[in-house]
Amino acid sequence: MVVGEIIGLILAIIVVVILFKVLKSIPALIVNAVIGVVILWLLNLVFGLHIAINIWSVLVSAIGGIAGVIIVVVLYFLGFAFVS
């Protein structure tokens, strides 16, 4: 019985640590997503590009930051993705 309680306690601690790390990174992802959407919108507006701003381009921008926006633009120019 004691071994089961110890394993349960260890699993609970692991879950709490993982949740803490995920919740701590959410504001950074939101900031990256907003910056990415603004940059993509400005690229579309200023340079006349037609990069699709959808869930996938926002996710790539949120996870990658400025590098993610560059990846979206490169994929757009190569014709692989984000073409509207």
N, C-alpha and C. Protein backbone atom coordinates (compact mmCIF):
# COMPACT_ATOMS: atom_id res chain seq x y z
N MET A 1 0.82 -1.20 0.00
CA MET A 1 0.00 0.00 0.00
C MET A 1 0.86 1.26 0.00
N VAL A 2 1.96 1.25 0.71
CA VAL A 2 2.82 2.41 0.80
C VAL A 2 3.48 2.71 -0.54
N VAL A 3 3.86 1.66 -1.28
CA VAL A 3 4.51 1.85 -2.58
C VAL A 3 3.55 2.54 -3.55
N GLY A 4 2.28 2.15 -3.53
CA GLY A 4 1.28 2.77 -4.40
C GLY A 4 1.09 4.24 -4.08
N GLU A 5 1.11 4.59 -2.80
CA GLU A 5 0.96 5.99 -2.41
C GLU A 5 2.18 6.81 -2.82
N ILE A 6 3.35 6.23 -2.70
CA ILE A 6 4.57 6.94 -3.11
C ILE A 6 4.57 7.16 -4.62
N ILE A 7 4.19 6.16 -5.39
CA ILE A 7 4.12 6.31 -6.85
C ILE A 7 3.08 7.36 -7.22
N GLY A 8 1.93 7.34 -6.56
CA GLY A 8 0.90 8.35 -6.82
C GLY A 8 1.38 9.75 -6.51
N LEU A 9 2.12 9.89 -5.41
CA LEU A 9 2.66 11.20 -5.03
C LEU A 9 3.70 11.67 -6.05
N ILE A 10 4.55 10.78 -6.51
CA ILE A 10 5.55 11.14 -7.52
C ILE A 10 4.88 11.55 -8.82
N LEU A 11 3.85 10.81 -9.24
CA LEU A 11 3.12 11.17 -10.46
C LEU A 11 2.42 12.52 -10.32
N ALA A 12 1.86 12.79 -9.15
CA ALA A 12 1.20 14.08 -8.92
C ALA A 12 2.21 15.22 -9.00
N ILE A 13 3.40 15.02 -8.44
CA ILE A 13 4.43 16.05 -8.50
C ILE A 13 4.87 16.29 -9.94
N ILE A 14 5.02 15.23 -10.71
CA ILE A 14 5.40 15.36 -12.12
C ILE A 14 4.35 16.14 -12.89
N VAL A 15 3.08 15.84 -12.66
CA VAL A 15 2.00 16.54 -13.34
C VAL A 15 2.00 18.03 -12.98
N VAL A 16 2.21 18.34 -11.71
CA VAL A 16 2.24 19.74 -11.28
C VAL A 16 3.40 20.49 -11.92
N VAL A 17 4.56 19.86 -11.98
CA VAL A 17 5.73 20.51 -12.60
C VAL A 17 5.48 20.76 -14.08
N ILE A 18 4.92 19.78 -14.79
CA ILE A 18 4.64 19.95 -16.22
C ILE A 18 3.61 21.05 -16.43
N LEU A 19 2.55 21.07 -15.64
CA LEU A 19 1.53 22.12 -15.77
C LEU A 19 2.13 23.49 -15.50
N PHE A 20 3.00 23.59 -14.51
CA PHE A 20 3.63 24.87 -14.20
C PHE A 20 4.46 25.37 -15.38
N LYS A 21 5.23 24.49 -15.99
CA LYS A 21 6.07 24.89 -17.12
C LYS A 21 5.22 25.30 -18.32
N VAL A 22 4.13 24.57 -18.58
CA VAL A 22 3.27 24.90 -19.71
C VAL A 22 2.56 26.23 -19.48
N LEU A 23 2.01 26.42 -18.30
CA LEU A 23 1.28 27.65 -18.01
C LEU A 23 2.21 28.85 -17.95
N LYS A 24 3.47 28.65 -17.59
CA LYS A 24 4.43 29.73 -17.55
C LYS A 24 4.80 30.19 -18.96
N SER A 25 4.73 29.31 -19.94
CA SER A 25 5.13 29.67 -21.31
C SER A 25 3.96 30.21 -22.14
N ILE A 26 2.75 30.14 -21.65
CA ILE A 26 1.59 30.60 -22.43
C ILE A 26 1.66 32.10 -22.75
N PRO A 27 2.01 32.97 -21.80
CA PRO A 27 2.09 34.40 -22.18
C PRO A 27 3.11 34.66 -23.29
N ALA A 28 4.22 33.96 -23.29
CA ALA A 28 5.20 34.14 -24.36
C ALA A 28 4.63 33.70 -25.69
N LEU A 29 3.87 32.61 -25.71
CA LEU A 29 3.26 32.16 -26.96
C LEU A 29 2.22 33.16 -27.46
N ILE A 30 1.47 33.74 -26.55
CA ILE A 30 0.47 34.73 -26.96
C ILE A 30 1.14 35.96 -27.55
N VAL A 31 2.21 36.43 -26.90
CA VAL A 31 2.94 37.59 -27.42
C VAL A 31 3.52 37.28 -28.80
N ASN A 32 4.14 36.10 -28.96
CA ASN A 32 4.69 35.72 -30.26
C ASN A 32 3.60 35.63 -31.31
N ALA A 33 2.44 35.10 -30.96
CA ALA A 33 1.34 34.98 -31.92
C ALA A 33 0.86 36.36 -32.37
N VAL A 34 0.71 37.28 -31.44
CA VAL A 34 0.25 38.63 -31.80
C VAL A 34 1.29 39.33 -32.67
N ILE A 35 2.55 39.24 -32.29
CA ILE A 35 3.60 39.87 -33.09
C ILE A 35 3.66 39.24 -34.48
N GLY A 36 3.53 37.92 -34.56
CA GLY A 36 3.55 37.23 -35.84
C GLY A 36 2.41 37.65 -36.75
N VAL A 37 1.20 37.76 -36.18
CA VAL A 37 0.04 38.17 -36.99
C VAL A 37 0.22 39.60 -37.48
N VAL A 38 0.73 40.47 -36.62
CA VAL A 38 0.94 41.87 -37.03
C VAL A 38 1.99 41.94 -38.15
N ILE A 39 3.08 41.20 -38.00
CA ILE A 39 4.11 41.22 -39.05
C ILE A 39 3.57 40.66 -40.36
N LEU A 40 2.83 39.55 -40.30
CA LEU A 40 2.26 38.98 -41.53
C LEU A 40 1.27 39.94 -42.16
N TRP A 41 0.46 40.60 -41.34
CA TRP A 41 -0.50 41.57 -41.86
C TRP A 41 0.22 42.73 -42.53
N LEU A 42 1.30 43.22 -41.88
CA LEU A 42 2.06 44.32 -42.48
C LEU A 42 2.73 43.90 -43.78
N LEU A 43 3.25 42.68 -43.83
CA LEU A 43 3.84 42.19 -45.07
C LEU A 43 2.80 42.14 -46.18
N ASN A 44 1.61 41.67 -45.85
CA ASN A 44 0.53 41.63 -46.84
C ASN A 44 0.15 43.04 -47.29
N LEU A 45 0.10 43.97 -46.35
CA LEU A 45 -0.33 45.33 -46.65
C LEU A 45 0.72 46.11 -47.42
N VAL A 46 1.95 46.09 -46.95
CA VAL A 46 3.01 46.93 -47.53
C VAL A 46 3.54 46.35 -48.83
N PHE A 47 3.80 45.05 -48.84
CA PHE A 47 4.44 44.46 -50.02
C PHE A 47 3.45 43.78 -50.97
N GLY A 48 2.17 43.81 -50.65
CA GLY A 48 1.17 43.24 -51.54
C GLY A 48 1.21 41.72 -51.60
N LEU A 49 1.75 41.09 -50.59
CA LEU A 49 1.76 39.63 -50.56
C LEU A 49 0.36 39.13 -50.21
N HIS A 50 0.12 37.88 -50.46
CA HIS A 50 -1.17 37.30 -50.12
C HIS A 50 -0.97 36.07 -49.24
N ILE A 51 -0.21 36.26 -48.16
CA ILE A 51 0.04 35.17 -47.22
C ILE A 51 -1.21 34.97 -46.38
N ALA A 52 -1.70 33.75 -46.35
CA ALA A 52 -2.90 33.44 -45.59
C ALA A 52 -2.58 33.52 -44.09
N ILE A 53 -3.40 34.27 -43.37
CA ILE A 53 -3.27 34.31 -41.92
C ILE A 53 -4.36 33.39 -41.37
N ASN A 54 -3.94 32.18 -41.03
CA ASN A 54 -4.87 31.18 -40.52
C ASN A 54 -4.27 30.54 -39.27
N ILE A 55 -4.91 29.52 -38.77
CA ILE A 55 -4.46 28.90 -37.53
C ILE A 55 -3.04 28.34 -37.67
N TRP A 56 -2.68 27.83 -38.83
CA TRP A 56 -1.37 27.23 -39.01
C TRP A 56 -0.27 28.27 -39.05
N SER A 57 -0.50 29.36 -39.76
CA SER A 57 0.52 30.40 -39.80
C SER A 57 0.68 31.07 -38.44
N VAL A 58 -0.42 31.21 -37.71
CA VAL A 58 -0.34 31.79 -36.36
C VAL A 58 0.40 30.83 -35.42
N LEU A 59 0.15 29.54 -35.53
CA LEU A 59 0.86 28.57 -34.68
C LEU A 59 2.35 28.55 -34.97
N VAL A 60 2.72 28.58 -36.24
CA VAL A 60 4.14 28.60 -36.59
C VAL A 60 4.78 29.88 -36.06
N SER A 61 4.08 31.00 -36.18
CA SER A 61 4.60 32.26 -35.67
C SER A 61 4.69 32.27 -34.15
N ALA A 62 3.69 31.69 -33.49
CA ALA A 62 3.69 31.67 -32.03
C ALA A 62 4.81 30.80 -31.47
N ILE A 63 5.03 29.67 -32.08
CA ILE A 63 6.06 28.76 -31.58
C ILE A 63 7.45 29.25 -31.99
N GLY A 64 7.58 29.77 -33.20
CA GLY A 64 8.90 30.14 -33.70
C GLY A 64 9.27 31.59 -33.52
N GLY A 65 8.32 32.44 -33.18
CA GLY A 65 8.61 33.87 -33.06
C GLY A 65 8.92 34.47 -34.43
N ILE A 66 9.92 35.34 -34.46
CA ILE A 66 10.31 35.98 -35.73
C ILE A 66 10.81 34.93 -36.72
N ALA A 67 11.53 33.94 -36.22
CA ALA A 67 11.99 32.85 -37.10
C ALA A 67 10.79 32.11 -37.69
N GLY A 68 9.72 31.96 -36.94
CA GLY A 68 8.51 31.33 -37.46
C GLY A 68 7.87 32.14 -38.57
N VAL A 69 7.89 33.46 -38.43
CA VAL A 69 7.35 34.32 -39.49
C VAL A 69 8.21 34.18 -40.74
N ILE A 70 9.51 34.11 -40.56
CA ILE A 70 10.41 33.94 -41.71
C ILE A 70 10.13 32.60 -42.40
N ILE A 71 9.88 31.56 -41.62
CA ILE A 71 9.55 30.26 -42.20
C ILE A 71 8.26 30.34 -42.99
N VAL A 72 7.25 31.03 -42.45
CA VAL A 72 5.97 31.18 -43.17
C VAL A 72 6.20 31.91 -44.48
N VAL A 73 6.99 32.98 -44.47
CA VAL A 73 7.24 33.75 -45.69
C VAL A 73 8.01 32.91 -46.71
N VAL A 74 9.02 32.17 -46.26
CA VAL A 74 9.79 31.33 -47.17
C VAL A 74 8.88 30.26 -47.79
N LEU A 75 8.06 29.60 -46.97
CA LEU A 75 7.14 28.59 -47.50
C LEU A 75 6.14 29.20 -48.48
N TYR A 76 5.73 30.44 -48.24
CA TYR A 76 4.84 31.12 -49.16
C TYR A 76 5.52 31.34 -50.51
N PHE A 77 6.77 31.85 -50.47
CA PHE A 77 7.48 32.11 -51.72
C PHE A 77 7.81 30.83 -52.48
N LEU A 78 8.03 29.74 -51.75
CA LEU A 78 8.28 28.47 -52.42
C LEU A 78 7.00 27.81 -52.92
N GLY A 79 5.85 28.34 -52.51
CA GLY A 79 4.57 27.82 -52.97
C GLY A 79 4.10 26.56 -52.25
N PHE A 80 4.72 26.26 -51.12
CA PHE A 80 4.36 25.04 -50.39
C PHE A 80 3.16 25.24 -49.47
N ALA A 81 3.05 26.40 -48.85
CA ALA A 81 2.00 26.59 -47.87
C ALA A 81 1.66 28.06 -47.74
N PHE A 82 0.55 28.33 -47.10
CA PHE A 82 0.10 29.67 -46.74
C PHE A 82 -0.20 30.54 -47.95
N VAL A 83 -0.52 29.93 -49.06
CA VAL A 83 -0.89 30.68 -50.25
C VAL A 83 -2.40 30.88 -50.22
N SER A 84 -2.81 32.13 -50.30
CA SER A 84 -4.26 32.39 -50.27
C SER A 84 -4.80 32.71 -51.65
